[in-house]
C-alpha atoms as a PDB file:
ATOM      1  CA  UNK A   1     -21.972 -53.953  44.196  1.00  0.00           C
ATOM      2  CA  UNK A   2     -21.827 -50.634  42.398  1.00  0.00           C
ATOM      3  CA  UNK A   3     -18.292 -49.960  43.618  1.00  0.00           C
ATOM      4  CA  UNK A   4     -17.064 -53.053  41.764  1.00  0.00           C
ATOM      5  CA  UNK A   5     -18.355 -51.598  38.508  1.00  0.00           C
ATOM      6  CA  UNK A   6     -16.382 -48.419  39.118  1.00  0.00           C
ATOM      7  CA  UNK A   7     -13.266 -50.395  39.977  1.00  0.00           C
ATOM      8  CA  UNK A   8     -13.594 -52.441  36.784  1.00  0.00           C
ATOM      9  CA  UNK A   9     -14.075 -49.305  34.710  1.00  0.00           C
ATOM     10  CA  UNK A  10     -11.402 -47.073  36.190  1.00  0.00           C
ATOM     11  CA  UNK A  11      -8.603 -49.520  37.087  1.00  0.00           C
ATOM     12  CA  UNK A  12      -7.289 -49.704  33.490  1.00  0.00           C
ATOM     13  CA  UNK A  13      -7.485 -45.916  33.194  1.00  0.00           C
ATOM     14  CA  UNK A  14      -5.493 -45.427  36.378  1.00  0.00           C
ATOM     15  CA  UNK A  15      -3.006 -48.067  35.266  1.00  0.00           C
ATOM     16  CA  UNK A  16      -2.426 -46.436  31.909  1.00  0.00           C
ATOM     17  CA  UNK A  17      -2.028 -43.007  33.491  1.00  0.00           C
ATOM     18  CA  UNK A  18       0.441 -44.439  36.000  1.00  0.00           C
ATOM     19  CA  UNK A  19       2.416 -46.071  33.179  1.00  0.00           C
ATOM     20  CA  UNK A  20       2.393 -42.858  31.140  1.00  0.00           C
ATOM     21  CA  UNK A  21       3.657 -40.745  34.022  1.00  0.00           C
ATOM     22  CA  UNK A  22       6.249 -43.078  35.519  1.00  0.00           C
ATOM     23  CA  UNK A  23       7.088 -45.206  32.476  1.00  0.00           C
ATOM     24  CA  UNK A  24       9.175 -42.493  30.804  1.00  0.00           C
ATOM     25  CA  UNK A  25      12.136 -43.353  32.992  1.00  0.00           C
ATOM     26  CA  UNK A  26      14.281 -46.316  31.932  1.00  0.00           C
ATOM     27  CA  UNK A  27      12.451 -49.604  32.506  1.00  0.00           C
ATOM     28  CA  UNK A  28      11.302 -49.579  36.094  1.00  0.00           C
ATOM     29  CA  UNK A  29      10.034 -52.875  37.456  1.00  0.00           C
ATOM     30  CA  UNK A  30       7.469 -51.355  39.813  1.00  0.00           C
ATOM     31  CA  UNK A  31       5.720 -49.544  36.944  1.00  0.00           C
ATOM     32  CA  UNK A  32       5.106 -52.822  35.168  1.00  0.00           C
ATOM     33  CA  UNK A  33       3.974 -54.560  38.329  1.00  0.00           C
ATOM     34  CA  UNK A  34       1.532 -51.814  39.326  1.00  0.00           C
ATOM     35  CA  UNK A  35       0.127 -51.473  35.808  1.00  0.00           C
ATOM     36  CA  UNK A  36      -0.280 -55.222  35.421  1.00  0.00           C
ATOM     37  CA  UNK A  37      -1.916 -55.454  38.830  1.00  0.00           C
ATOM     38  CA  UNK A  38      -4.455 -52.789  37.959  1.00  0.00           C
ATOM     39  CA  UNK A  39      -5.261 -54.509  34.665  1.00  0.00           C
ATOM     40  CA  UNK A  40      -5.637 -57.823  36.462  1.00  0.00           C
ATOM     41  CA  UNK A  41      -7.969 -56.148  38.975  1.00  0.00           C
ATOM     42  CA  UNK A  42     -10.330 -55.032  36.242  1.00  0.00           C
END
């Protein structure tokens, strides 16, 4: 049960870091999909 709390807390952080690192390139579809998936997970 405790691992779900960590997933809910850190999934948006990981998603925003992923978007910041890989989002600088011109509009990549996979960046949006991964970031949205991590936000949906939380």
